[in-house]
Amino acid sequence: MPEIDEEGYLIEPQDWSEEIAIEFARQENIVLTEEHWSAIRFMREYYAEHQIAPDARFVIKHLGERNRLFELFPYGYVKQACKIAGMKRPRAWSTG
């Protein structure tokens, strides 16, 4: 397992792999579906291009349903989606 910070986020997002995502999801009691993977892959592609985690509204738009993101990651975009996708914890965001 790559190095994580005190909150459980990867220190280096480039250390992410699908196996790590599965383990982080397991720790959050989430079984990853194709919809989860769609959101995660979108987030990884956005990160690769912009070197920052995408704002939740971009992921919501990608998924095509306004509230679906929060059904997939019920404890929050930053707390679950960003962590599982291997993002560093966005410091300026709340945990929602």
N, C-alpha and C. Protein backbone atom coordinates (compact mmCIF):
# COMPACT_ATOMS: atom_id res chain seq x y z
N MET A 1 0.85 -1.17 0.00
CA MET A 1 0.00 0.00 0.00
C MET A 1 0.90 1.24 0.00
N PRO A 2 0.63 2.19 -0.90
CA PRO A 2 1.42 3.42 -0.92
C PRO A 2 1.18 4.25 0.35
N GLU A 3 2.01 5.25 0.52
CA GLU A 3 1.92 6.12 1.69
C GLU A 3 0.64 6.95 1.65
N ILE A 4 -0.02 7.03 2.83
CA ILE A 4 -1.24 7.83 2.96
C ILE A 4 -1.03 8.86 4.08
N ASP A 5 -1.85 9.91 4.06
CA ASP A 5 -1.77 10.92 5.11
C ASP A 5 -2.57 10.46 6.33
N GLU A 6 -2.64 11.32 7.34
CA GLU A 6 -3.32 10.96 8.59
C GLU A 6 -4.82 10.75 8.42
N GLU A 7 -5.39 11.23 7.31
CA GLU A 7 -6.82 11.06 7.05
C GLU A 7 -7.10 9.91 6.08
N GLY A 8 -6.06 9.25 5.61
CA GLY A 8 -6.23 8.10 4.74
C GLY A 8 -6.19 8.38 3.25
N TYR A 9 -5.81 9.60 2.85
CA TYR A 9 -5.70 9.95 1.44
C TYR A 9 -4.29 9.66 0.96
N LEU A 10 -4.15 9.31 -0.31
CA LEU A 10 -2.82 9.09 -0.87
C LEU A 10 -1.99 10.37 -0.79
N ILE A 11 -0.73 10.21 -0.45
CA ILE A 11 0.20 11.35 -0.45
C ILE A 11 0.50 11.74 -1.90
N GLU A 12 0.69 10.73 -2.74
CA GLU A 12 1.03 10.96 -4.15
C GLU A 12 -0.04 10.32 -5.03
N PRO A 13 -0.90 11.12 -5.68
CA PRO A 13 -1.96 10.56 -6.51
C PRO A 13 -1.47 9.63 -7.62
N GLN A 14 -0.25 9.80 -8.09
CA GLN A 14 0.26 8.92 -9.14
C GLN A 14 0.51 7.50 -8.63
N ASP A 15 0.47 7.28 -7.31
CA ASP A 15 0.60 5.95 -6.75
C ASP A 15 -0.70 5.15 -6.81
N TRP A 16 -1.78 5.77 -7.26
CA TRP A 16 -3.10 5.15 -7.30
C TRP A 16 -3.14 3.99 -8.30
N SER A 17 -3.95 3.00 -7.98
CA SER A 17 -4.25 1.90 -8.90
C SER A 17 -5.68 1.45 -8.64
N GLU A 18 -6.23 0.66 -9.52
CA GLU A 18 -7.58 0.15 -9.30
C GLU A 18 -7.63 -0.72 -8.06
N GLU A 19 -6.57 -1.44 -7.77
CA GLU A 19 -6.53 -2.27 -6.56
C GLU A 19 -6.61 -1.40 -5.31
N ILE A 20 -5.94 -0.26 -5.32
CA ILE A 20 -6.01 0.66 -4.18
C ILE A 20 -7.43 1.21 -4.06
N ALA A 21 -8.05 1.54 -5.18
CA ALA A 21 -9.43 2.04 -5.15
C ALA A 21 -10.36 1.01 -4.52
N ILE A 22 -10.18 -0.23 -4.90
CA ILE A 22 -11.02 -1.30 -4.34
C ILE A 22 -10.82 -1.40 -2.83
N GLU A 23 -9.58 -1.30 -2.38
CA GLU A 23 -9.30 -1.37 -0.94
C GLU A 23 -9.89 -0.16 -0.21
N PHE A 24 -9.70 1.04 -0.74
CA PHE A 24 -10.27 2.24 -0.11
C PHE A 24 -11.80 2.14 -0.07
N ALA A 25 -12.40 1.65 -1.15
CA ALA A 25 -13.86 1.48 -1.19
C ALA A 25 -14.29 0.47 -0.14
N ARG A 26 -13.57 -0.62 0.00
CA ARG A 26 -13.88 -1.64 1.00
C ARG A 26 -13.87 -1.02 2.39
N GLN A 27 -12.87 -0.16 2.66
CA GLN A 27 -12.78 0.51 3.96
C GLN A 27 -13.98 1.43 4.21
N GLU A 28 -14.59 1.91 3.14
CA GLU A 28 -15.77 2.79 3.23
C GLU A 28 -17.07 2.01 3.09
N ASN A 29 -16.98 0.69 3.05
CA ASN A 29 -18.15 -0.19 2.87
C ASN A 29 -18.89 0.09 1.57
N ILE A 30 -18.13 0.32 0.51
CA ILE A 30 -18.69 0.55 -0.82
C ILE A 30 -18.23 -0.57 -1.74
N VAL A 31 -19.17 -1.19 -2.43
CA VAL A 31 -18.86 -2.15 -3.48
C VAL A 31 -18.92 -1.37 -4.79
N LEU A 32 -17.79 -1.28 -5.47
CA LEU A 32 -17.72 -0.45 -6.68
C LEU A 32 -18.48 -1.07 -7.84
N THR A 33 -19.40 -0.27 -8.38
CA THR A 33 -20.16 -0.66 -9.56
C THR A 33 -19.59 0.05 -10.77
N GLU A 34 -20.13 -0.24 -11.95
CA GLU A 34 -19.67 0.45 -13.15
C GLU A 34 -19.90 1.96 -13.04
N GLU A 35 -20.97 2.38 -12.37
CA GLU A 35 -21.19 3.82 -12.18
C GLU A 35 -20.11 4.45 -11.31
N HIS A 36 -19.70 3.75 -10.26
CA HIS A 36 -18.60 4.25 -9.44
C HIS A 36 -17.34 4.39 -10.30
N TRP A 37 -17.05 3.34 -11.07
CA TRP A 37 -15.84 3.36 -11.90
C TRP A 37 -15.91 4.48 -12.93
N SER A 38 -17.07 4.76 -13.47
CA SER A 38 -17.22 5.86 -14.42
C SER A 38 -16.83 7.18 -13.76
N ALA A 39 -17.32 7.41 -12.56
CA ALA A 39 -16.98 8.64 -11.84
C ALA A 39 -15.49 8.68 -11.51
N ILE A 40 -14.95 7.56 -11.03
CA ILE A 40 -13.54 7.49 -10.66
C ILE A 40 -12.64 7.72 -11.87
N ARG A 41 -12.95 7.08 -12.98
CA ARG A 41 -12.12 7.25 -14.18
C ARG A 41 -12.18 8.68 -14.70
N PHE A 42 -13.37 9.28 -14.65
CA PHE A 42 -13.50 10.68 -15.03
C PHE A 42 -12.62 11.55 -14.13
N MET A 43 -12.65 11.31 -12.84
CA MET A 43 -11.85 12.08 -11.89
C MET A 43 -10.36 11.90 -12.17
N ARG A 44 -9.94 10.68 -12.45
CA ARG A 44 -8.52 10.43 -12.73
C ARG A 44 -8.08 11.13 -14.02
N GLU A 45 -8.93 11.09 -15.05
CA GLU A 45 -8.60 11.77 -16.31
C GLU A 45 -8.52 13.28 -16.11
N TYR A 46 -9.45 13.83 -15.35
CA TYR A 46 -9.44 15.26 -15.06
C TYR A 46 -8.16 15.62 -14.30
N TYR A 47 -7.82 14.81 -13.30
CA TYR A 47 -6.61 15.06 -12.53
C TYR A 47 -5.37 15.01 -13.42
N ALA A 48 -5.29 14.04 -14.31
CA ALA A 48 -4.14 13.91 -15.20
C ALA A 48 -3.98 15.15 -16.07
N GLU A 49 -5.10 15.73 -16.48
CA GLU A 49 -5.05 16.91 -17.35
C GLU A 49 -4.80 18.21 -16.58
N HIS A 50 -5.40 18.35 -15.39
CA HIS A 50 -5.38 19.63 -14.67
C HIS A 50 -4.54 19.62 -13.38
N GLN A 51 -4.08 18.45 -12.95
CA GLN A 51 -3.30 18.30 -11.73
C GLN A 51 -4.03 18.78 -10.48
N ILE A 52 -5.34 18.65 -10.49
CA ILE A 52 -6.20 18.99 -9.36
C ILE A 52 -7.45 18.13 -9.43
N ALA A 53 -8.02 17.82 -8.28
CA ALA A 53 -9.27 17.05 -8.26
C ALA A 53 -10.38 17.89 -8.87
N PRO A 54 -11.24 17.29 -9.67
CA PRO A 54 -12.34 18.06 -10.26
C PRO A 54 -13.35 18.47 -9.20
N ASP A 55 -13.97 19.60 -9.41
CA ASP A 55 -15.07 20.02 -8.55
C ASP A 55 -16.20 19.01 -8.71
N ALA A 56 -16.94 18.79 -7.64
CA ALA A 56 -18.03 17.81 -7.66
C ALA A 56 -19.02 18.06 -8.79
N ARG A 57 -19.27 19.32 -9.12
CA ARG A 57 -20.25 19.62 -10.17
C ARG A 57 -19.84 19.05 -11.53
N PHE A 58 -18.53 18.93 -11.79
CA PHE A 58 -18.07 18.33 -13.05
C PHE A 58 -18.35 16.83 -13.07
N VAL A 59 -18.18 16.18 -11.93
CA VAL A 59 -18.45 14.75 -11.84
C VAL A 59 -19.96 14.50 -11.94
N ILE A 60 -20.73 15.36 -11.30
CA ILE A 60 -22.19 15.25 -11.40
C ILE A 60 -22.63 15.38 -12.85
N LYS A 61 -22.07 16.36 -13.55
CA LYS A 61 -22.41 16.56 -14.97
C LYS A 61 -22.00 15.33 -15.79
N HIS A 62 -20.83 14.79 -15.50
CA HIS A 62 -20.36 13.59 -16.20
C HIS A 62 -21.34 12.43 -16.00
N LEU A 63 -21.82 12.26 -14.77
CA LEU A 63 -22.75 11.16 -14.48
C LEU A 63 -24.13 11.40 -15.06
N GLY A 64 -24.48 12.66 -15.31
CA GLY A 64 -25.73 12.97 -15.98
C GLY A 64 -26.95 13.06 -15.08
N GLU A 65 -26.79 12.82 -13.80
CA GLU A 65 -27.91 12.92 -12.87
C GLU A 65 -27.46 13.72 -11.66
N ARG A 66 -28.14 14.79 -11.36
CA ARG A 66 -27.71 15.73 -10.34
C ARG A 66 -27.35 15.09 -9.00
N ASN A 67 -28.20 14.27 -8.44
CA ASN A 67 -27.94 13.74 -7.11
C ASN A 67 -27.30 12.36 -7.10
N ARG A 68 -27.03 11.79 -8.24
CA ARG A 68 -26.48 10.43 -8.30
C ARG A 68 -25.12 10.31 -7.63
N LEU A 69 -24.28 11.33 -7.73
CA LEU A 69 -22.96 11.29 -7.12
C LEU A 69 -23.06 11.00 -5.63
N PHE A 70 -24.02 11.62 -4.99
CA PHE A 70 -24.14 11.47 -3.54
C PHE A 70 -24.88 10.19 -3.14
N GLU A 71 -25.50 9.53 -4.10
CA GLU A 71 -26.01 8.18 -3.86
C GLU A 71 -24.87 7.18 -3.95
N LEU A 72 -23.97 7.40 -4.89
CA LEU A 72 -22.83 6.50 -5.06
C LEU A 72 -21.84 6.63 -3.91
N PHE A 73 -21.64 7.86 -3.43
CA PHE A 73 -20.69 8.14 -2.35
C PHE A 73 -21.44 8.89 -1.25
N PRO A 74 -22.22 8.17 -0.45
CA PRO A 74 -23.16 8.79 0.49
C PRO A 74 -22.52 9.61 1.61
N TYR A 75 -21.26 9.38 1.93
CA TYR A 75 -20.62 10.14 2.99
C TYR A 75 -19.81 11.31 2.45
N GLY A 76 -20.05 11.65 1.19
CA GLY A 76 -19.46 12.87 0.65
C GLY A 76 -18.47 12.68 -0.47
N TYR A 77 -18.45 13.67 -1.31
CA TYR A 77 -17.56 13.69 -2.46
C TYR A 77 -16.09 13.64 -2.03
N VAL A 78 -15.71 14.52 -1.11
CA VAL A 78 -14.32 14.55 -0.67
C VAL A 78 -13.99 13.33 0.18
N LYS A 79 -14.85 13.01 1.13
CA LYS A 79 -14.59 11.91 2.07
C LYS A 79 -14.47 10.57 1.37
N GLN A 80 -15.29 10.33 0.35
CA GLN A 80 -15.27 9.01 -0.29
C GLN A 80 -14.78 9.06 -1.73
N ALA A 81 -15.40 9.85 -2.58
CA ALA A 81 -15.05 9.82 -4.00
C ALA A 81 -13.60 10.24 -4.23
N CYS A 82 -13.18 11.35 -3.63
CA CYS A 82 -11.81 11.80 -3.83
C CYS A 82 -10.80 10.81 -3.27
N LYS A 83 -11.11 10.25 -2.12
CA LYS A 83 -10.20 9.30 -1.49
C LYS A 83 -10.07 8.04 -2.36
N ILE A 84 -11.19 7.47 -2.77
CA ILE A 84 -11.17 6.24 -3.56
C ILE A 84 -10.50 6.46 -4.92
N ALA A 85 -10.68 7.65 -5.49
CA ALA A 85 -10.06 7.97 -6.78
C ALA A 85 -8.59 8.33 -6.65
N GLY A 86 -8.08 8.35 -5.43
CA GLY A 86 -6.65 8.59 -5.22
C GLY A 86 -6.23 10.04 -5.25
N MET A 87 -7.16 10.95 -5.02
CA MET A 87 -6.83 12.36 -4.98
C MET A 87 -6.24 12.70 -3.61
N LYS A 88 -5.40 13.74 -3.57
CA LYS A 88 -5.04 14.30 -2.28
C LYS A 88 -6.29 14.96 -1.73
N ARG A 89 -6.41 15.04 -0.40
CA ARG A 89 -7.60 15.68 0.16
C ARG A 89 -7.58 17.16 -0.21
N PRO A 90 -8.60 17.62 -0.93
CA PRO A 90 -8.66 19.06 -1.26
C PRO A 90 -8.81 19.87 0.02
N ARG A 91 -7.82 20.63 0.38
CA ARG A 91 -7.78 21.33 1.67
C ARG A 91 -8.80 22.46 1.79
N ALA A 92 -9.18 23.06 0.70
CA ALA A 92 -10.10 24.19 0.76
C ALA A 92 -11.57 23.77 0.78
N TRP A 93 -11.84 22.47 0.64
CA TRP A 93 -13.21 21.98 0.57
C TRP A 93 -13.65 21.43 1.91
N SER A 94 -14.94 21.45 2.11
CA SER A 94 -15.50 20.77 3.26
C SER A 94 -15.45 19.26 2.99
N THR A 95 -15.90 18.47 3.93
CA THR A 95 -15.89 17.02 3.71
C THR A 95 -17.10 16.56 2.92
N GLY A 96 -17.97 17.45 2.52
CA GLY A 96 -19.17 17.07 1.79
C GLY A 96 -18.94 16.72 0.36
